[in-house]
């Protein structure tokens, strides 16, 4: 597993098309997604805001 200090980072949140015409929303805090694959091979994603 890659240590957290070596993982990619983001300083802005990219806007999705239905959120407007701007490429990035600098008012939104950056977030992180944790993908968990369980023993039955079900993928669950947990999202957290990074402050």
Protein backbone atom coordinates (compact mmCIF):
# COMPACT_ATOMS: atom_id res chain seq x y z
CA UNK A 1 0.00 0.00 0.00
CA UNK A 2 1.26 3.47 -0.86
CA UNK A 3 1.83 5.65 2.22
CA UNK A 4 -0.50 8.69 2.32
CA UNK A 5 2.38 11.16 1.97
CA UNK A 6 3.23 9.62 -1.43
CA UNK A 7 -0.26 9.66 -2.94
CA UNK A 8 -1.46 12.22 -5.51
CA UNK A 9 -2.93 15.43 -4.12
CA UNK A 10 -5.50 17.97 -5.25
CA UNK A 11 -6.04 21.57 -4.22
CA UNK A 12 -9.36 22.19 -6.04
CA UNK A 13 -12.48 20.22 -6.87
CA UNK A 14 -13.21 19.74 -10.55
CA UNK A 15 -16.78 20.66 -11.41
CA UNK A 16 -19.04 18.15 -13.16
CA UNK A 17 -20.97 19.40 -16.22
CA UNK A 18 -24.30 19.97 -14.43
CA UNK A 19 -22.65 22.24 -11.82
CA UNK A 20 -21.99 25.08 -14.27
CA UNK A 21 -19.53 26.25 -16.89
CA UNK A 22 -16.47 26.65 -14.66
CA UNK A 23 -13.75 23.99 -14.92
CA UNK A 24 -13.07 23.97 -11.17
CA UNK A 25 -14.99 25.07 -8.11
CA UNK A 26 -12.40 26.68 -5.85
CA UNK A 27 -15.02 27.21 -3.12
CA UNK A 28 -15.45 23.44 -2.66
CA UNK A 29 -12.96 21.70 -0.37
CA UNK A 30 -10.88 18.91 -1.91
CA UNK A 31 -11.99 15.37 -1.17
CA UNK A 32 -10.65 11.86 -1.13
CA UNK A 33 -12.25 8.56 -2.11
CA UNK A 34 -11.46 5.25 -0.44
CA UNK A 35 -12.30 2.21 -2.58
CA UNK A 36 -12.82 -1.01 -0.63
CA UNK A 37 -13.09 -4.40 -2.35
CA UNK A 38 -14.57 -6.96 0.05
CA UNK A 39 -14.18 -10.75 0.06
CA UNK A 40 -17.28 -11.12 -2.19
CA UNK A 41 -15.62 -8.74 -4.69
CA UNK A 42 -18.13 -5.95 -4.01
CA UNK A 43 -16.66 -2.49 -4.46
CA UNK A 44 -17.69 0.20 -1.96
CA UNK A 45 -16.47 3.78 -2.18
CA UNK A 46 -16.32 6.09 0.83
CA UNK A 47 -15.88 9.83 0.25
CA UNK A 48 -14.38 12.24 2.77
CA UNK A 49 -13.76 15.99 2.66
CA UNK A 50 -10.16 17.00 3.31
CA UNK A 51 -9.89 20.16 5.40
